[in-house]
Amino acid sequence: MADIVIDENVRHGKPVIKGTRITVDEVLGMLEAGMAYEEIEREYKLKRSQILAVIRYAASFVLGEEVHKIHA
């Protein structure tokens, strides 16, 4: 995930898009709020590949999760 970096001196060590101070959680929040990729690209000067890197980064955590079925 070379497009996402963690640096203790940038945004208190939160994962950010390389070369920016825009955090992964900020971009995910924008997408969750319904912003289109084009809006994010235009307003935050990001590339589509950077937005997709955020999604891949978040998905990497889900891929490692164990799913436990809860019996009601």
PDB file of N, CA and C in Angstrom:
ATOM      1  N   MET A   1       0.846  -1.186   0.000  1.00  0.00           N
ATOM      2  CA  MET A   1       0.000   0.000   0.000  1.00  0.00           C
ATOM      3  C   MET A   1       0.894   1.254   0.000  1.00  0.00           C
ATOM      4  N   ALA A   2       1.695   1.409  -1.005  1.00  0.00           N
ATOM      5  CA  ALA A   2       2.647   2.510  -1.064  1.00  0.00           C
ATOM      6  C   ALA A   2       1.968   3.875  -1.110  1.00  0.00           C
ATOM      7  N   ASP A   3       0.707   3.927  -1.531  1.00  0.00           N
ATOM      8  CA  ASP A   3       0.005   5.211  -1.598  1.00  0.00           C
ATOM      9  C   ASP A   3      -0.489   5.674  -0.234  1.00  0.00           C
ATOM     10  N   ILE A   4      -0.513   4.767   0.745  1.00  0.00           N
ATOM     11  CA  ILE A   4      -0.939   5.107   2.096  1.00  0.00           C
ATOM     12  C   ILE A   4       0.267   4.971   3.003  1.00  0.00           C
ATOM     13  N   VAL A   5       0.544   6.026   3.775  1.00  0.00           N
ATOM     14  CA  VAL A   5       1.712   6.017   4.647  1.00  0.00           C
ATOM     15  C   VAL A   5       1.313   6.419   6.062  1.00  0.00           C
ATOM     16  N   ILE A   6       2.127   5.974   6.998  1.00  0.00           N
ATOM     17  CA  ILE A   6       1.938   6.353   8.400  1.00  0.00           C
ATOM     18  C   ILE A   6       3.243   6.975   8.867  1.00  0.00           C
ATOM     19  N   ASP A   7       3.139   8.206   9.325  1.00  0.00           N
ATOM     20  CA  ASP A   7       4.297   8.947   9.818  1.00  0.00           C
ATOM     21  C   ASP A   7       3.864   9.624  11.114  1.00  0.00           C
ATOM     22  N   GLU A   8       4.539   9.307  12.188  1.00  0.00           N
ATOM     23  CA  GLU A   8       4.171   9.868  13.496  1.00  0.00           C
ATOM     24  C   GLU A   8       4.165  11.400  13.497  1.00  0.00           C
ATOM     25  N   ASN A   9       4.893  12.015  12.570  1.00  0.00           N
ATOM     26  CA  ASN A   9       4.974  13.474  12.502  1.00  0.00           C
ATOM     27  C   ASN A   9       3.888  14.100  11.631  1.00  0.00           C
ATOM     28  N   VAL A  10       3.052  13.271  11.019  1.00  0.00           N
ATOM     29  CA  VAL A  10       1.986  13.777  10.155  1.00  0.00           C
ATOM     30  C   VAL A  10       0.654  13.283  10.700  1.00  0.00           C
ATOM     31  N   ARG A  11      -0.206  14.222  11.039  1.00  0.00           N
ATOM     32  CA  ARG A  11      -1.557  13.912  11.520  1.00  0.00           C
ATOM     33  C   ARG A  11      -1.561  12.905  12.665  1.00  0.00           C
ATOM     34  N   HIS A  12      -0.582  13.032  13.562  1.00  0.00           N
ATOM     35  CA  HIS A  12      -0.480  12.194  14.764  1.00  0.00           C
ATOM     36  C   HIS A  12      -0.387  10.710  14.451  1.00  0.00           C
ATOM     37  N   GLY A  13       0.208  10.371  13.317  1.00  0.00           N
ATOM     38  CA  GLY A  13       0.422   8.978  12.967  1.00  0.00           C
ATOM     39  C   GLY A  13      -0.754   8.272  12.327  1.00  0.00           C
ATOM     40  N   LYS A  14      -1.789   9.023  11.969  1.00  0.00           N
ATOM     41  CA  LYS A  14      -2.912   8.405  11.257  1.00  0.00           C
ATOM     42  C   LYS A  14      -2.474   8.070   9.833  1.00  0.00           C
ATOM     43  N   PRO A  15      -3.039   7.015   9.240  1.00  0.00           N
ATOM     44  CA  PRO A  15      -2.687   6.719   7.846  1.00  0.00           C
ATOM     45  C   PRO A  15      -3.200   7.822   6.917  1.00  0.00           C
ATOM     46  N   VAL A  16      -2.311   8.308   6.062  1.00  0.00           N
ATOM     47  CA  VAL A  16      -2.646   9.378   5.121  1.00  0.00           C
ATOM     48  C   VAL A  16      -2.266   8.962   3.705  1.00  0.00           C
ATOM     49  N   ILE A  17      -2.831   9.668   2.750  1.00  0.00           N
ATOM     50  CA  ILE A  17      -2.433   9.478   1.352  1.00  0.00           C
ATOM     51  C   ILE A  17      -1.058  10.116   1.186  1.00  0.00           C
ATOM     52  N   LYS A  18      -0.137   9.339   0.648  1.00  0.00           N
ATOM     53  CA  LYS A  18       1.248   9.792   0.484  1.00  0.00           C
ATOM     54  C   LYS A  18       1.308  11.146  -0.211  1.00  0.00           C
ATOM     55  N   GLY A  19       2.107  12.044   0.359  1.00  0.00           N
ATOM     56  CA  GLY A  19       2.294  13.367  -0.233  1.00  0.00           C
ATOM     57  C   GLY A  19       1.199  14.356   0.137  1.00  0.00           C
ATOM     58  N   THR A  20       0.267  13.930   0.995  1.00  0.00           N
ATOM     59  CA  THR A  20      -0.811  14.819   1.436  1.00  0.00           C
ATOM     60  C   THR A  20      -0.943  14.712   2.951  1.00  0.00           C
ATOM     61  N   ARG A  21      -1.852  15.467   3.495  1.00  0.00           N
ATOM     62  CA  ARG A  21      -2.211  15.341   4.906  1.00  0.00           C
ATOM     63  C   ARG A  21      -3.654  14.844   5.019  1.00  0.00           C
ATOM     64  N   ILE A  22      -4.152  14.262   3.940  1.00  0.00           N
ATOM     65  CA  ILE A  22      -5.533  13.764   3.900  1.00  0.00           C
ATOM     66  C   ILE A  22      -5.538  12.334   4.419  1.00  0.00           C
ATOM     67  N   THR A  23      -6.318  12.112   5.496  1.00  0.00           N
ATOM     68  CA  THR A  23      -6.323  10.804   6.135  1.00  0.00           C
ATOM     69  C   THR A  23      -7.278   9.834   5.441  1.00  0.00           C
ATOM     70  N   VAL A  24      -6.995   8.553   5.677  1.00  0.00           N
ATOM     71  CA  VAL A  24      -7.844   7.493   5.156  1.00  0.00           C
ATOM     72  C   VAL A  24      -9.270   7.676   5.656  1.00  0.00           C
ATOM     73  N   ASP A  25      -9.424   7.959   6.957  1.00  0.00           N
ATOM     74  CA  ASP A  25     -10.780   8.088   7.499  1.00  0.00           C
ATOM     75  C   ASP A  25     -11.523   9.294   6.925  1.00  0.00           C
ATOM     76  N   GLU A  26     -10.813  10.346   6.546  1.00  0.00           N
ATOM     77  CA  GLU A  26     -11.478  11.492   5.921  1.00  0.00           C
ATOM     78  C   GLU A  26     -12.060  11.102   4.562  1.00  0.00           C
ATOM     79  N   VAL A  27     -11.276  10.391   3.766  1.00  0.00           N
ATOM     80  CA  VAL A  27     -11.756   9.989   2.441  1.00  0.00           C
ATOM     81  C   VAL A  27     -12.908   8.997   2.569  1.00  0.00           C
ATOM     82  N   LEU A  28     -12.786   8.047   3.486  1.00  0.00           N
ATOM     83  CA  LEU A  28     -13.885   7.099   3.692  1.00  0.00           C
ATOM     84  C   LEU A  28     -15.150   7.834   4.131  1.00  0.00           C
ATOM     85  N   GLY A  29     -14.999   8.845   4.967  1.00  0.00           N
ATOM     86  CA  GLY A  29     -16.143   9.653   5.392  1.00  0.00           C
ATOM     87  C   GLY A  29     -16.786  10.393   4.227  1.00  0.00           C
ATOM     88  N   MET A  30     -15.964  10.902   3.322  1.00  0.00           N
ATOM     89  CA  MET A  30     -16.489  11.592   2.142  1.00  0.00           C
ATOM     90  C   MET A  30     -17.314  10.629   1.292  1.00  0.00           C
ATOM     91  N   LEU A  31     -16.767   9.431   1.075  1.00  0.00           N
ATOM     92  CA  LEU A  31     -17.481   8.430   0.276  1.00  0.00           C
ATOM     93  C   LEU A  31     -18.773   8.006   0.971  1.00  0.00           C
ATOM     94  N   GLU A  32     -18.711   7.804   2.275  1.00  0.00           N
ATOM     95  CA  GLU A  32     -19.889   7.396   3.044  1.00  0.00           C
ATOM     96  C   GLU A  32     -20.969   8.476   2.996  1.00  0.00           C
ATOM     97  N   ALA A  33     -20.540   9.725   2.935  1.00  0.00           N
ATOM     98  CA  ALA A  33     -21.483  10.846   2.877  1.00  0.00           C
ATOM     99  C   ALA A  33     -22.095  11.009   1.488  1.00  0.00           C
ATOM    100  N   GLY A  34     -21.608  10.227   0.529  1.00  0.00           N
ATOM    101  CA  GLY A  34     -22.200  10.270  -0.801  1.00  0.00           C
ATOM    102  C   GLY A  34     -21.450  11.088  -1.830  1.00  0.00           C
ATOM    103  N   MET A  35     -20.259  11.577  -1.480  1.00  0.00           N
ATOM    104  CA  MET A  35     -19.487  12.335  -2.462  1.00  0.00           C
ATOM    105  C   MET A  35     -19.046  11.407  -3.585  1.00  0.00           C
ATOM    106  N   ALA A  36     -19.139  11.887  -4.800  1.00  0.00           N
ATOM    107  CA  ALA A  36     -18.678  11.133  -5.965  1.00  0.00           C
ATOM    108  C   ALA A  36     -17.155  11.237  -6.056  1.00  0.00           C
ATOM    109  N   TYR A  37     -16.551  10.230  -6.676  1.00  0.00           N
ATOM    110  CA  TYR A  37     -15.100  10.250  -6.866  1.00  0.00           C
ATOM    111  C   TYR A  37     -14.674  11.571  -7.507  1.00  0.00           C
ATOM    112  N   GLU A  38     -15.414  11.992  -8.519  1.00  0.00           N
ATOM    113  CA  GLU A  38     -15.066  13.219  -9.237  1.00  0.00           C
ATOM    114  C   GLU A  38     -15.062  14.440  -8.315  1.00  0.00           C
ATOM    115  N   GLU A  39     -15.999  14.507  -7.383  1.00  0.00           N
ATOM    116  CA  GLU A  39     -16.041  15.622  -6.430  1.00  0.00           C
ATOM    117  C   GLU A  39     -14.806  15.617  -5.545  1.00  0.00           C
ATOM    118  N   ILE A  40     -14.453  14.445  -5.045  1.00  0.00           N
ATOM    119  CA  ILE A  40     -13.282  14.330  -4.174  1.00  0.00           C
ATOM    120  C   ILE A  40     -12.023  14.680  -4.949  1.00  0.00           C
ATOM    121  N   GLU A  41     -11.927  14.188  -6.169  1.00  0.00           N
ATOM    122  CA  GLU A  41     -10.767  14.491  -7.009  1.00  0.00           C
ATOM    123  C   GLU A  41     -10.631  16.001  -7.210  1.00  0.00           C
ATOM    124  N   ARG A  42     -11.732  16.650  -7.511  1.00  0.00           N
ATOM    125  CA  ARG A  42     -11.723  18.079  -7.805  1.00  0.00           C
ATOM    126  C   ARG A  42     -11.461  18.907  -6.536  1.00  0.00           C
ATOM    127  N   GLU A  43     -12.170  18.623  -5.471  1.00  0.00           N
ATOM    128  CA  GLU A  43     -12.084  19.453  -4.265  1.00  0.00           C
ATOM    129  C   GLU A  43     -10.809  19.240  -3.463  1.00  0.00           C
ATOM    130  N   TYR A  44     -10.243  18.034  -3.510  1.00  0.00           N
ATOM    131  CA  TYR A  44      -9.076  17.732  -2.696  1.00  0.00           C
ATOM    132  C   TYR A  44      -7.828  17.463  -3.523  1.00  0.00           C
ATOM    133  N   LYS A  45      -7.931  17.670  -4.838  1.00  0.00           N
ATOM    134  CA  LYS A  45      -6.787  17.505  -5.756  1.00  0.00           C
ATOM    135  C   LYS A  45      -6.186  16.102  -5.649  1.00  0.00           C
ATOM    136  N   LEU A  46      -7.052  15.096  -5.561  1.00  0.00           N
ATOM    137  CA  LEU A  46      -6.609  13.705  -5.511  1.00  0.00           C
ATOM    138  C   LEU A  46      -6.820  13.035  -6.849  1.00  0.00           C
ATOM    139  N   LYS A  47      -6.106  11.950  -7.045  1.00  0.00           N
ATOM    140  CA  LYS A  47      -6.290  11.127  -8.238  1.00  0.00           C
ATOM    141  C   LYS A  47      -7.202   9.961  -7.882  1.00  0.00           C
ATOM    142  N   ARG A  48      -7.876   9.425  -8.863  1.00  0.00           N
ATOM    143  CA  ARG A  48      -8.743   8.265  -8.647  1.00  0.00           C
ATOM    144  C   ARG A  48      -7.956   7.133  -8.003  1.00  0.00           C
ATOM    145  N   SER A  49      -6.726   6.926  -8.437  1.00  0.00           N
ATOM    146  CA  SER A  49      -5.898   5.845  -7.888  1.00  0.00           C
ATOM    147  C   SER A  49      -5.656   6.026  -6.386  1.00  0.00           C
ATOM    148  N   GLN A  50      -5.576   7.272  -5.939  1.00  0.00           N
ATOM    149  CA  GLN A  50      -5.386   7.522  -4.505  1.00  0.00           C
ATOM    150  C   GLN A  50      -6.646   7.171  -3.713  1.00  0.00           C
ATOM    151  N   ILE A  51      -7.797   7.496  -4.267  1.00  0.00           N
ATOM    152  CA  ILE A  51      -9.062   7.157  -3.606  1.00  0.00           C
ATOM    153  C   ILE A  51      -9.212   5.640  -3.532  1.00  0.00           C
ATOM    154  N   LEU A  52      -8.880   4.972  -4.610  1.00  0.00           N
ATOM    155  CA  LEU A  52      -8.956   3.508  -4.630  1.00  0.00           C
ATOM    156  C   LEU A  52      -7.954   2.892  -3.655  1.00  0.00           C
ATOM    157  N   ALA A  53      -6.803   3.525  -3.464  1.00  0.00           N
ATOM    158  CA  ALA A  53      -5.822   3.040  -2.490  1.00  0.00           C
ATOM    159  C   ALA A  53      -6.390   3.102  -1.080  1.00  0.00           C
ATOM    160  N   VAL A  54      -7.166   4.137  -0.796  1.00  0.00           N
ATOM    161  CA  VAL A  54      -7.827   4.258   0.507  1.00  0.00           C
ATOM    162  C   VAL A  54      -8.780   3.082   0.713  1.00  0.00           C
ATOM    163  N   ILE A  55      -9.558   2.781  -0.305  1.00  0.00           N
ATOM    164  CA  ILE A  55     -10.525   1.682  -0.202  1.00  0.00           C
ATOM    165  C   ILE A  55      -9.787   0.352  -0.029  1.00  0.00           C
ATOM    166  N   ARG A  56      -8.717   0.147  -0.780  1.00  0.00           N
ATOM    167  CA  ARG A  56      -7.933  -1.089  -0.635  1.00  0.00           C
ATOM    168  C   ARG A  56      -7.335  -1.196   0.762  1.00  0.00           C
ATOM    169  N   TYR A  57      -6.858  -0.076   1.288  1.00  0.00           N
ATOM    170  CA  TYR A  57      -6.269  -0.061   2.632  1.00  0.00           C
ATOM    171  C   TYR A  57      -7.316  -0.481   3.659  1.00  0.00           C
ATOM    172  N   ALA A  58      -8.497   0.104   3.587  1.00  0.00           N
ATOM    173  CA  ALA A  58      -9.567  -0.247   4.527  1.00  0.00           C
ATOM    174  C   ALA A  58      -9.997  -1.700   4.344  1.00  0.00           C
ATOM    175  N   ALA A  59     -10.090  -2.152   3.106  1.00  0.00           N
ATOM    176  CA  ALA A  59     -10.512  -3.526   2.821  1.00  0.00           C
ATOM    177  C   ALA A  59      -9.499  -4.533   3.359  1.00  0.00           C
ATOM    178  N   SER A  60      -8.234  -4.153   3.421  1.00  0.00           N
ATOM    179  CA  SER A  60      -7.211  -5.085   3.903  1.00  0.00           C
ATOM    180  C   SER A  60      -7.463  -5.476   5.352  1.00  0.00           C
ATOM    181  N   PHE A  61      -8.086  -4.603   6.120  1.00  0.00           N
ATOM    182  CA  PHE A  61      -8.411  -4.926   7.509  1.00  0.00           C
ATOM    183  C   PHE A  61      -9.568  -5.910   7.582  1.00  0.00           C
ATOM    184  N   VAL A  62     -10.537  -5.751   6.728  1.00  0.00           N
ATOM    185  CA  VAL A  62     -11.690  -6.636   6.708  1.00  0.00           C
ATOM    186  C   VAL A  62     -11.287  -8.031   6.247  1.00  0.00           C
ATOM    187  N   LEU A  63     -10.371  -8.117   5.308  1.00  0.00           N
ATOM    188  CA  LEU A  63      -9.937  -9.408   4.788  1.00  0.00           C
ATOM    189  C   LEU A  63      -9.334 -10.289   5.878  1.00  0.00           C
ATOM    190  N   GLY A  64      -8.732  -9.684   6.878  1.00  0.00           N
ATOM    191  CA  GLY A  64      -8.096 -10.453   7.935  1.00  0.00           C
ATOM    192  C   GLY A  64      -9.002 -10.772   9.108  1.00  0.00           C
ATOM    193  N   GLU A  65     -10.237 -10.301   9.077  1.00  0.00           N
ATOM    194  CA  GLU A  65     -11.146 -10.526  10.198  1.00  0.00           C
ATOM    195  C   GLU A  65     -11.709 -11.936  10.194  1.00  0.00           C
ATOM    196  N   GLU A  66     -11.953 -12.446  11.384  1.00  0.00           N
ATOM    197  CA  GLU A  66     -12.675 -13.703  11.516  1.00  0.00           C
ATOM    198  C   GLU A  66     -14.132 -13.382  11.722  1.00  0.00           C
ATOM    199  N   VAL A  67     -14.993 -14.123  11.059  1.00  0.00           N
ATOM    200  CA  VAL A  67     -16.420 -13.904  11.177  1.00  0.00           C
ATOM    201  C   VAL A  67     -16.984 -14.994  12.092  1.00  0.00           C
ATOM    202  N   HIS A  68     -17.716 -14.577  13.103  1.00  0.00           N
ATOM    203  CA  HIS A  68     -18.328 -15.506  14.041  1.00  0.00           C
ATOM    204  C   HIS A  68     -19.833 -15.347  13.954  1.00  0.00           C
ATOM    205  N   LYS A  69     -20.511 -16.425  13.716  1.00  0.00           N
ATOM    206  CA  LYS A  69     -21.956 -16.389  13.632  1.00  0.00           C
ATOM    207  C   LYS A  69     -22.533 -16.364  15.040  1.00  0.00           C
ATOM    208  N   ILE A  70     -23.480 -15.463  15.254  1.00  0.00           N
ATOM    209  CA  ILE A  70     -24.135 -15.361  16.546  1.00  0.00           C
ATOM    210  C   ILE A  70     -25.454 -16.108  16.476  1.00  0.00           C
ATOM    211  N   HIS A  71     -25.635 -17.034  17.380  1.00  0.00           N
ATOM    212  CA  HIS A  71     -26.876 -17.806  17.414  1.00  0.00           C
ATOM    213  C   HIS A  71     -27.862 -17.123  18.349  1.00  0.00           C
ATOM    214  N   ALA A  72     -29.025 -16.838  17.820  1.00  0.00           N
ATOM    215  CA  ALA A  72     -30.060 -16.162  18.632  1.00  0.00           C
ATOM    216  C   ALA A  72     -30.919 -17.170  19.347  1.00  0.00           C
TER     217      ALA A  72
END
